[in-house]
Amino acid sequence: MSIRSWIYNWIMSTPKVRANRAELVSTDEGISGEDSVNLRILKAMNGKAIEIRTYKKNPHGHHDQLIQLYIVPEDKKLTDAIAYVLAVKALEK
């Protein structure tokens, strides 16, 4: 199982998320809903990088984009870092 599949299954396993699944699914039209979050895992020198792009709708009808980058050294577990980053993002809301 890939890390992407594991994260998807882990996020979708909670009852609250299952109830709001329609809000999490993106469409081909672009960004769905008022706010959206895109998480990517990138290869980096001596570890991995977790990139989080947050899109928030502004008053003009467009979306403002915020990019946050978290570096995960090789000696740290990637799953622990992802769980930490997702917890921090959940607390921001």
PDB file of N, CA and C in Angstrom:
ATOM      1  N   MET A   1       0.854  -1.181   0.000  1.00  0.00           N
ATOM      2  CA  MET A   1       0.000   0.000   0.000  1.00  0.00           C
ATOM      3  C   MET A   1       0.894   1.237   0.000  1.00  0.00           C
ATOM      4  N   SER A   2       0.586   2.159  -0.875  1.00  0.00           N
ATOM      5  CA  SER A   2       1.377   3.383  -0.948  1.00  0.00           C
ATOM      6  C   SER A   2       1.033   4.296   0.232  1.00  0.00           C
ATOM      7  N   ILE A   3       1.918   5.243   0.502  1.00  0.00           N
ATOM      8  CA  ILE A   3       1.689   6.193   1.588  1.00  0.00           C
ATOM      9  C   ILE A   3       0.456   7.048   1.297  1.00  0.00           C
ATOM     10  N   ARG A   4       0.246   7.344   0.012  1.00  0.00           N
ATOM     11  CA  ARG A   4      -0.928   8.145  -0.372  1.00  0.00           C
ATOM     12  C   ARG A   4      -2.220   7.398  -0.060  1.00  0.00           C
ATOM     13  N   SER A   5      -2.256   6.096  -0.380  1.00  0.00           N
ATOM     14  CA  SER A   5      -3.445   5.281  -0.083  1.00  0.00           C
ATOM     15  C   SER A   5      -3.654   5.165   1.418  1.00  0.00           C
ATOM     16  N   TRP A   6      -2.550   4.995   2.153  1.00  0.00           N
ATOM     17  CA  TRP A   6      -2.663   4.873   3.605  1.00  0.00           C
ATOM     18  C   TRP A   6      -3.241   6.149   4.218  1.00  0.00           C
ATOM     19  N   ILE A   7      -2.746   7.310   3.775  1.00  0.00           N
ATOM     20  CA  ILE A   7      -3.245   8.591   4.299  1.00  0.00           C
ATOM     21  C   ILE A   7      -4.716   8.761   3.952  1.00  0.00           C
ATOM     22  N   TYR A   8      -5.080   8.441   2.716  1.00  0.00           N
ATOM     23  CA  TYR A   8      -6.482   8.566   2.303  1.00  0.00           C
ATOM     24  C   TYR A   8      -7.377   7.679   3.166  1.00  0.00           C
ATOM     25  N   ASN A   9      -6.986   6.425   3.349  1.00  0.00           N
ATOM     26  CA  ASN A   9      -7.778   5.500   4.168  1.00  0.00           C
ATOM     27  C   ASN A   9      -7.847   5.962   5.617  1.00  0.00           C
ATOM     28  N   TRP A  10      -6.735   6.510   6.132  1.00  0.00           N
ATOM     29  CA  TRP A  10      -6.705   6.969   7.521  1.00  0.00           C
ATOM     30  C   TRP A  10      -7.635   8.177   7.704  1.00  0.00           C
ATOM     31  N   ILE A  11      -7.620   9.108   6.764  1.00  0.00           N
ATOM     32  CA  ILE A  11      -8.473  10.299   6.861  1.00  0.00           C
ATOM     33  C   ILE A  11      -9.939   9.916   6.691  1.00  0.00           C
ATOM     34  N   MET A  12     -10.237   9.056   5.727  1.00  0.00           N
ATOM     35  CA  MET A  12     -11.613   8.698   5.435  1.00  0.00           C
ATOM     36  C   MET A  12     -12.225   7.726   6.440  1.00  0.00           C
ATOM     37  N   SER A  13     -11.425   7.207   7.365  1.00  0.00           N
ATOM     38  CA  SER A  13     -11.961   6.226   8.311  1.00  0.00           C
ATOM     39  C   SER A  13     -12.734   6.872   9.460  1.00  0.00           C
ATOM     40  N   THR A  14     -12.620   8.171   9.651  1.00  0.00           N
ATOM     41  CA  THR A  14     -13.329   8.812  10.755  1.00  0.00           C
ATOM     42  C   THR A  14     -14.783   9.096  10.362  1.00  0.00           C
ATOM     43  N   PRO A  15     -15.734   8.893  11.276  1.00  0.00           N
ATOM     44  CA  PRO A  15     -17.153   9.083  10.946  1.00  0.00           C
ATOM     45  C   PRO A  15     -17.495  10.493  10.478  1.00  0.00           C
ATOM     46  N   LYS A  16     -16.876  11.503  11.082  1.00  0.00           N
ATOM     47  CA  LYS A  16     -17.184  12.886  10.718  1.00  0.00           C
ATOM     48  C   LYS A  16     -16.784  13.158   9.270  1.00  0.00           C
ATOM     49  N   VAL A  17     -15.656  12.614   8.851  1.00  0.00           N
ATOM     50  CA  VAL A  17     -15.198  12.818   7.480  1.00  0.00           C
ATOM     51  C   VAL A  17     -16.100  12.079   6.507  1.00  0.00           C
ATOM     52  N   ARG A  18     -16.508  10.856   6.872  1.00  0.00           N
ATOM     53  CA  ARG A  18     -17.393  10.112   5.985  1.00  0.00           C
ATOM     54  C   ARG A  18     -18.691  10.865   5.750  1.00  0.00           C
ATOM     55  N   ALA A  19     -19.184  11.560   6.770  1.00  0.00           N
ATOM     56  CA  ALA A  19     -20.429  12.311   6.633  1.00  0.00           C
ATOM     57  C   ALA A  19     -20.251  13.508   5.700  1.00  0.00           C
ATOM     58  N   ASN A  20     -19.046  14.082   5.690  1.00  0.00           N
ATOM     59  CA  ASN A  20     -18.784  15.279   4.881  1.00  0.00           C
ATOM     60  C   ASN A  20     -17.945  14.966   3.653  1.00  0.00           C
ATOM     61  N   ARG A  21     -17.949  13.724   3.192  1.00  0.00           N
ATOM     62  CA  ARG A  21     -17.093  13.311   2.087  1.00  0.00           C
ATOM     63  C   ARG A  21     -17.336  14.130   0.823  1.00  0.00           C
ATOM     64  N   ALA A  22     -18.548  14.517   0.568  1.00  0.00           N
ATOM     65  CA  ALA A  22     -18.843  15.273  -0.651  1.00  0.00           C
ATOM     66  C   ALA A  22     -18.101  16.606  -0.672  1.00  0.00           C
ATOM     67  N   GLU A  23     -17.845  17.200   0.494  1.00  0.00           N
ATOM     68  CA  GLU A  23     -17.135  18.470   0.552  1.00  0.00           C
ATOM     69  C   GLU A  23     -15.643  18.301   0.289  1.00  0.00           C
ATOM     70  N   LEU A  24     -15.105  17.096   0.523  1.00  0.00           N
ATOM     71  CA  LEU A  24     -13.679  16.873   0.362  1.00  0.00           C
ATOM     72  C   LEU A  24     -13.279  16.516  -1.057  1.00  0.00           C
ATOM     73  N   VAL A  25     -14.216  16.077  -1.854  1.00  0.00           N
ATOM     74  CA  VAL A  25     -13.902  15.629  -3.206  1.00  0.00           C
ATOM     75  C   VAL A  25     -13.756  16.832  -4.113  1.00  0.00           C
ATOM     76  N   SER A  26     -12.638  16.906  -4.825  1.00  0.00           N
ATOM     77  CA  SER A  26     -12.445  18.016  -5.751  1.00  0.00           C
ATOM     78  C   SER A  26     -13.020  17.646  -7.111  1.00  0.00           C
ATOM     79  N   THR A  27     -13.315  18.652  -7.904  1.00  0.00           N
ATOM     80  CA  THR A  27     -13.884  18.440  -9.227  1.00  0.00           C
ATOM     81  C   THR A  27     -12.894  18.901 -10.280  1.00  0.00           C
ATOM     82  N   ASP A  28     -13.195  18.637 -11.517  1.00  0.00           N
ATOM     83  CA  ASP A  28     -12.337  19.074 -12.614  1.00  0.00           C
ATOM     84  C   ASP A  28     -12.439  20.579 -12.845  1.00  0.00           C
ATOM     85  N   GLU A  29     -13.404  21.217 -12.235  1.00  0.00           N
ATOM     86  CA  GLU A  29     -13.607  22.645 -12.434  1.00  0.00           C
ATOM     87  C   GLU A  29     -12.599  23.489 -11.669  1.00  0.00           C
ATOM     88  N   GLY A  30     -11.799  22.879 -10.810  1.00  0.00           N
ATOM     89  CA  GLY A  30     -10.813  23.624 -10.042  1.00  0.00           C
ATOM     90  C   GLY A  30     -11.019  23.379  -8.564  1.00  0.00           C
ATOM     91  N   ILE A  31     -10.898  24.418  -7.792  1.00  0.00           N
ATOM     92  CA  ILE A  31     -10.997  24.314  -6.341  1.00  0.00           C
ATOM     93  C   ILE A  31     -12.454  24.231  -5.949  1.00  0.00           C
ATOM     94  N   SER A  32     -12.790  23.251  -5.117  1.00  0.00           N
ATOM     95  CA  SER A  32     -14.185  23.076  -4.708  1.00  0.00           C
ATOM     96  C   SER A  32     -14.397  23.671  -3.324  1.00  0.00           C
ATOM     97  N   GLY A  33     -15.557  24.202  -3.107  1.00  0.00           N
ATOM     98  CA  GLY A  33     -15.905  24.729  -1.790  1.00  0.00           C
ATOM     99  C   GLY A  33     -15.255  26.067  -1.505  1.00  0.00           C
ATOM    100  N   GLU A  34     -15.470  26.546  -0.302  1.00  0.00           N
ATOM    101  CA  GLU A  34     -14.907  27.824   0.111  1.00  0.00           C
ATOM    102  C   GLU A  34     -13.396  27.723   0.325  1.00  0.00           C
ATOM    103  N   ASP A  35     -12.960  26.734   1.111  1.00  0.00           N
ATOM    104  CA  ASP A  35     -11.545  26.562   1.418  1.00  0.00           C
ATOM    105  C   ASP A  35     -11.124  25.153   1.012  1.00  0.00           C
ATOM    106  N   SER A  36      -9.924  25.024   0.489  1.00  0.00           N
ATOM    107  CA  SER A  36      -9.403  23.719   0.097  1.00  0.00           C
ATOM    108  C   SER A  36      -7.963  23.602   0.556  1.00  0.00           C
ATOM    109  N   VAL A  37      -7.530  22.363   0.776  1.00  0.00           N
ATOM    110  CA  VAL A  37      -6.169  22.082   1.198  1.00  0.00           C
ATOM    111  C   VAL A  37      -5.602  20.999   0.293  1.00  0.00           C
ATOM    112  N   ASN A  38      -4.379  21.197  -0.175  1.00  0.00           N
ATOM    113  CA  ASN A  38      -3.692  20.232  -1.022  1.00  0.00           C
ATOM    114  C   ASN A  38      -2.409  19.831  -0.311  1.00  0.00           C
ATOM    115  N   LEU A  39      -2.198  18.535  -0.096  1.00  0.00           N
ATOM    116  CA  LEU A  39      -1.027  18.028   0.595  1.00  0.00           C
ATOM    117  C   LEU A  39      -0.187  17.224  -0.394  1.00  0.00           C
ATOM    118  N   ARG A  40       1.106  17.536  -0.456  1.00  0.00           N
ATOM    119  CA  ARG A  40       2.033  16.803  -1.332  1.00  0.00           C
ATOM    120  C   ARG A  40       3.260  16.399  -0.540  1.00  0.00           C
ATOM    121  N   ILE A  41       3.792  15.231  -0.859  1.00  0.00           N
ATOM    122  CA  ILE A  41       5.032  14.761  -0.242  1.00  0.00           C
ATOM    123  C   ILE A  41       6.095  14.765  -1.337  1.00  0.00           C
ATOM    124  N   LEU A  42       7.180  15.476  -1.083  1.00  0.00           N
ATOM    125  CA  LEU A  42       8.231  15.656  -2.075  1.00  0.00           C
ATOM    126  C   LEU A  42       9.538  15.060  -1.575  1.00  0.00           C
ATOM    127  N   LYS A  43      10.346  14.576  -2.503  1.00  0.00           N
ATOM    128  CA  LYS A  43      11.687  14.123  -2.142  1.00  0.00           C
ATOM    129  C   LYS A  43      12.545  15.344  -1.876  1.00  0.00           C
ATOM    130  N   ALA A  44      13.357  15.256  -0.847  1.00  0.00           N
ATOM    131  CA  ALA A  44      14.269  16.342  -0.520  1.00  0.00           C
ATOM    132  C   ALA A  44      15.622  15.737  -0.168  1.00  0.00           C
ATOM    133  N   MET A  45      16.642  16.554  -0.187  1.00  0.00           N
ATOM    134  CA  MET A  45      17.962  16.067   0.174  1.00  0.00           C
ATOM    135  C   MET A  45      17.943  15.664   1.652  1.00  0.00           C
ATOM    136  N   ASN A  46      18.351  14.442   1.945  1.00  0.00           N
ATOM    137  CA  ASN A  46      18.415  13.896   3.304  1.00  0.00           C
ATOM    138  C   ASN A  46      17.058  13.820   3.982  1.00  0.00           C
ATOM    139  N   GLY A  47      15.982  13.566   3.229  1.00  0.00           N
ATOM    140  CA  GLY A  47      14.666  13.411   3.840  1.00  0.00           C
ATOM    141  C   GLY A  47      13.539  13.656   2.862  1.00  0.00           C
ATOM    142  N   LYS A  48      12.430  14.102   3.403  1.00  0.00           N
ATOM    143  CA  LYS A  48      11.227  14.406   2.617  1.00  0.00           C
ATOM    144  C   LYS A  48      10.747  15.803   2.984  1.00  0.00           C
ATOM    145  N   ALA A  49       9.912  16.345   2.130  1.00  0.00           N
ATOM    146  CA  ALA A  49       9.279  17.636   2.395  1.00  0.00           C
ATOM    147  C   ALA A  49       7.778  17.464   2.243  1.00  0.00           C
ATOM    148  N   ILE A  50       7.045  18.025   3.171  1.00  0.00           N
ATOM    149  CA  ILE A  50       5.586  18.016   3.108  1.00  0.00           C
ATOM    150  C   ILE A  50       5.155  19.421   2.723  1.00  0.00           C
ATOM    151  N   GLU A  51       4.496  19.521   1.582  1.00  0.00           N
ATOM    152  CA  GLU A  51       4.021  20.821   1.099  1.00  0.00           C
ATOM    153  C   GLU A  51       2.506  20.876   1.272  1.00  0.00           C
ATOM    154  N   ILE A  52       2.048  21.917   1.922  1.00  0.00           N
ATOM    155  CA  ILE A  52       0.617  22.111   2.116  1.00  0.00           C
ATOM    156  C   ILE A  52       0.228  23.421   1.455  1.00  0.00           C
ATOM    157  N   ARG A  53      -0.697  23.317   0.494  1.00  0.00           N
ATOM    158  CA  ARG A  53      -1.237  24.507  -0.171  1.00  0.00           C
ATOM    159  C   ARG A  53      -2.658  24.712   0.326  1.00  0.00           C
ATOM    160  N   THR A  54      -2.919  25.878   0.849  1.00  0.00           N
ATOM    161  CA  THR A  54      -4.239  26.220   1.345  1.00  0.00           C
ATOM    162  C   THR A  54      -4.820  27.308   0.453  1.00  0.00           C
ATOM    163  N   TYR A  55      -6.042  27.086   0.008  1.00  0.00           N
ATOM    164  CA  TYR A  55      -6.735  28.044  -0.848  1.00  0.00           C
ATOM    165  C   TYR A  55      -7.916  28.608  -0.076  1.00  0.00           C
ATOM    166  N   LYS A  56      -7.983  29.920   0.012  1.00  0.00           N
ATOM    167  CA  LYS A  56      -9.111  30.577   0.677  1.00  0.00           C
ATOM    168  C   LYS A  56      -9.729  31.563  -0.295  1.00  0.00           C
ATOM    169  N   LYS A  57     -11.036  31.552  -0.349  1.00  0.00           N
ATOM    170  CA  LYS A  57     -11.747  32.450  -1.258  1.00  0.00           C
ATOM    171  C   LYS A  57     -11.679  33.872  -0.713  1.00  0.00           C
ATOM    172  N   ASN A  58     -11.319  34.816  -1.576  1.00  0.00           N
ATOM    173  CA  ASN A  58     -11.265  36.217  -1.149  1.00  0.00           C
ATOM    174  C   ASN A  58     -12.540  36.930  -1.597  1.00  0.00           C
ATOM    175  N   PRO A  59     -12.761  38.151  -1.162  1.00  0.00           N
ATOM    176  CA  PRO A  59     -14.004  38.866  -1.491  1.00  0.00           C
ATOM    177  C   PRO A  59     -14.206  39.115  -2.991  1.00  0.00           C
ATOM    178  N   HIS A  60     -13.153  39.023  -3.773  1.00  0.00           N
ATOM    179  CA  HIS A  60     -13.247  39.297  -5.204  1.00  0.00           C
ATOM    180  C   HIS A  60     -13.637  38.081  -6.022  1.00  0.00           C
ATOM    181  N   GLY A  61     -13.874  36.949  -5.369  1.00  0.00           N
ATOM    182  CA  GLY A  61     -14.285  35.742  -6.073  1.00  0.00           C
ATOM    183  C   GLY A  61     -13.151  34.828  -6.495  1.00  0.00           C
ATOM    184  N   HIS A  62     -11.924  35.234  -6.234  1.00  0.00           N
ATOM    185  CA  HIS A  62     -10.761  34.409  -6.553  1.00  0.00           C
ATOM    186  C   HIS A  62     -10.284  33.709  -5.294  1.00  0.00           C
ATOM    187  N   HIS A  63      -9.281  32.848  -5.439  1.00  0.00           N
ATOM    188  CA  HIS A  63      -8.735  32.143  -4.286  1.00  0.00           C
ATOM    189  C   HIS A  63      -7.318  32.623  -3.991  1.00  0.00           C
ATOM    190  N   ASP A  64      -7.054  32.931  -2.715  1.00  0.00           N
ATOM    191  CA  ASP A  64      -5.703  33.251  -2.273  1.00  0.00           C
ATOM    192  C   ASP A  64      -5.022  31.939  -1.911  1.00  0.00           C
ATOM    193  N   GLN A  65      -3.750  31.835  -2.229  1.00  0.00           N
ATOM    194  CA  GLN A  65      -3.014  30.604  -2.009  1.00  0.00           C
ATOM    195  C   GLN A  65      -1.921  30.833  -0.974  1.00  0.00           C
ATOM    196  N   LEU A  66      -1.839  29.937   0.009  1.00  0.00           N
ATOM    197  CA  LEU A  66      -0.791  29.965   1.024  1.00  0.00           C
ATOM    198  C   LEU A  66      -0.052  28.639   0.949  1.00  0.00           C
ATOM    199  N   ILE A  67       1.267  28.686   0.798  1.00  0.00           N
ATOM    200  CA  ILE A  67       2.075  27.474   0.718  1.00  0.00           C
ATOM    201  C   ILE A  67       2.931  27.373   1.968  1.00  0.00           C
ATOM    202  N   GLN A  68       2.834  26.219   2.660  1.00  0.00           N
ATOM    203  CA  GLN A  68       3.656  25.945   3.833  1.00  0.00           C
ATOM    204  C   GLN A  68       4.476  24.697   3.544  1.00  0.00           C
ATOM    205  N   LEU A  69       5.740  24.724   3.925  1.00  0.00           N
ATOM    206  CA  LEU A  69       6.634  23.611   3.656  1.00  0.00           C
ATOM    207  C   LEU A  69       7.212  23.116   4.973  1.00  0.00           C
ATOM    208  N   TYR A  70       7.087  21.826   5.234  1.00  0.00           N
ATOM    209  CA  TYR A  70       7.624  21.186   6.432  1.00  0.00           C
ATOM    210  C   TYR A  70       8.684  20.183   5.993  1.00  0.00           C
ATOM    211  N   ILE A  71       9.859  20.245   6.580  1.00  0.00           N
ATOM    212  CA  ILE A  71      10.955  19.346   6.239  1.00  0.00           C
ATOM    213  C   ILE A  71      10.971  18.197   7.249  1.00  0.00           C
ATOM    214  N   VAL A  72      11.067  16.957   6.729  1.00  0.00           N
ATOM    215  CA  VAL A  72      11.121  15.759   7.569  1.00  0.00           C
ATOM    216  C   VAL A  72      12.472  15.094   7.335  1.00  0.00           C
ATOM    217  N   PRO A  73      13.375  15.108   8.338  1.00  0.00           N
ATOM    218  CA  PRO A  73      14.677  14.462   8.169  1.00  0.00           C
ATOM    219  C   PRO A  73      14.532  12.950   8.002  1.00  0.00           C
ATOM    220  N   GLU A  74      15.578  12.321   7.471  1.00  0.00           N
ATOM    221  CA  GLU A  74      15.544  10.882   7.227  1.00  0.00           C
ATOM    222  C   GLU A  74      15.313  10.072   8.496  1.00  0.00           C
ATOM    223  N   ASP A  75      15.806  10.556   9.638  1.00  0.00           N
ATOM    224  CA  ASP A  75      15.698   9.777  10.874  1.00  0.00           C
ATOM    225  C   ASP A  75      14.321   9.882  11.537  1.00  0.00           C
ATOM    226  N   LYS A  76      13.424  10.681  11.008  1.00  0.00           N
ATOM    227  CA  LYS A  76      12.063  10.813  11.543  1.00  0.00           C
ATOM    228  C   LYS A  76      11.089  10.002  10.696  1.00  0.00           C
ATOM    229  N   LYS A  77      10.024   9.504  11.326  1.00  0.00           N
ATOM    230  CA  LYS A  77       9.011   8.744  10.588  1.00  0.00           C
ATOM    231  C   LYS A  77       8.101   9.713   9.835  1.00  0.00           C
ATOM    232  N   LEU A  78       7.894   9.426   8.570  1.00  0.00           N
ATOM    233  CA  LEU A  78       7.067  10.288   7.724  1.00  0.00           C
ATOM    234  C   LEU A  78       5.617  10.295   8.201  1.00  0.00           C
ATOM    235  N   THR A  79       5.107   9.151   8.624  1.00  0.00           N
ATOM    236  CA  THR A  79       3.715   9.087   9.083  1.00  0.00           C
ATOM    237  C   THR A  79       3.498   9.933  10.332  1.00  0.00           C
ATOM    238  N   ASP A  80       4.479   9.964  11.241  1.00  0.00           N
ATOM    239  CA  ASP A  80       4.354  10.814  12.432  1.00  0.00           C
ATOM    240  C   ASP A  80       4.361  12.290  12.054  1.00  0.00           C
ATOM    241  N   ALA A  81       5.201  12.648  11.096  1.00  0.00           N
ATOM    242  CA  ALA A  81       5.264  14.043  10.652  1.00  0.00           C
ATOM    243  C   ALA A  81       3.969  14.466   9.979  1.00  0.00           C
ATOM    244  N   ILE A  82       3.391  13.590   9.158  1.00  0.00           N
ATOM    245  CA  ILE A  82       2.129  13.904   8.487  1.00  0.00           C
ATOM    246  C   ILE A  82       1.010  14.053   9.509  1.00  0.00           C
ATOM    247  N   ALA A  83       0.958  13.156  10.485  1.00  0.00           N
ATOM    248  CA  ALA A  83      -0.063  13.251  11.537  1.00  0.00           C
ATOM    249  C   ALA A  83       0.082  14.563  12.306  1.00  0.00           C
ATOM    250  N   TYR A  84       1.309  14.964  12.593  1.00  0.00           N
ATOM    251  CA  TYR A  84       1.553  16.217  13.301  1.00  0.00           C
ATOM    252  C   TYR A  84       1.079  17.414  12.480  1.00  0.00           C
ATOM    253  N   VAL A  85       1.433  17.422  11.192  1.00  0.00           N
ATOM    254  CA  VAL A  85       1.064  18.543  10.321  1.00  0.00           C
ATOM    255  C   VAL A  85      -0.459  18.626  10.180  1.00  0.00           C
ATOM    256  N   LEU A  86      -1.123  17.475  10.014  1.00  0.00           N
ATOM    257  CA  LEU A  86      -2.584  17.485   9.894  1.00  0.00           C
ATOM    258  C   LEU A  86      -3.250  17.941  11.196  1.00  0.00           C
ATOM    259  N   ALA A  87      -2.667  17.569  12.330  1.00  0.00           N
ATOM    260  CA  ALA A  87      -3.211  18.031  13.615  1.00  0.00           C
ATOM    261  C   ALA A  87      -3.066  19.546  13.756  1.00  0.00           C
ATOM    262  N   VAL A  88      -1.938  20.067  13.362  1.00  0.00           N
ATOM    263  CA  VAL A  88      -1.721  21.518  13.426  1.00  0.00           C
ATOM    264  C   VAL A  88      -2.698  22.243  12.511  1.00  0.00           C
ATOM    265  N   LYS A  89      -2.901  21.716  11.290  1.00  0.00           N
ATOM    266  CA  LYS A  89      -3.840  22.343  10.363  1.00  0.00           C
ATOM    267  C   LYS A  89      -5.277  22.289  10.910  1.00  0.00           C
ATOM    268  N   ALA A  90      -5.627  21.190  11.581  1.00  0.00           N
ATOM    269  CA  ALA A  90      -6.972  21.080  12.161  1.00  0.00           C
ATOM    270  C   ALA A  90      -7.154  22.080  13.296  1.00  0.00           C
ATOM    271  N   LEU A  91      -6.110  22.326  14.070  1.00  0.00           N
ATOM    272  CA  LEU A  91      -6.209  23.290  15.175  1.00  0.00           C
ATOM    273  C   LEU A  91      -6.279  24.728  14.676  1.00  0.00           C
ATOM    274  N   GLU A  92      -5.765  24.990  13.480  1.00  0.00           N
ATOM    275  CA  GLU A  92      -5.810  26.349  12.925  1.00  0.00           C
ATOM    276  C   GLU A  92      -7.237  26.766  12.589  1.00  0.00           C
ATOM    277  N   LYS A  93      -8.108  25.815  12.307  1.00  0.00           N
ATOM    278  CA  LYS A  93      -9.476  26.138  11.902  1.00  0.00           C
ATOM    279  C   LYS A  93     -10.301  26.410  13.068  1.00  0.00           C
TER     280      LYS A  93
END
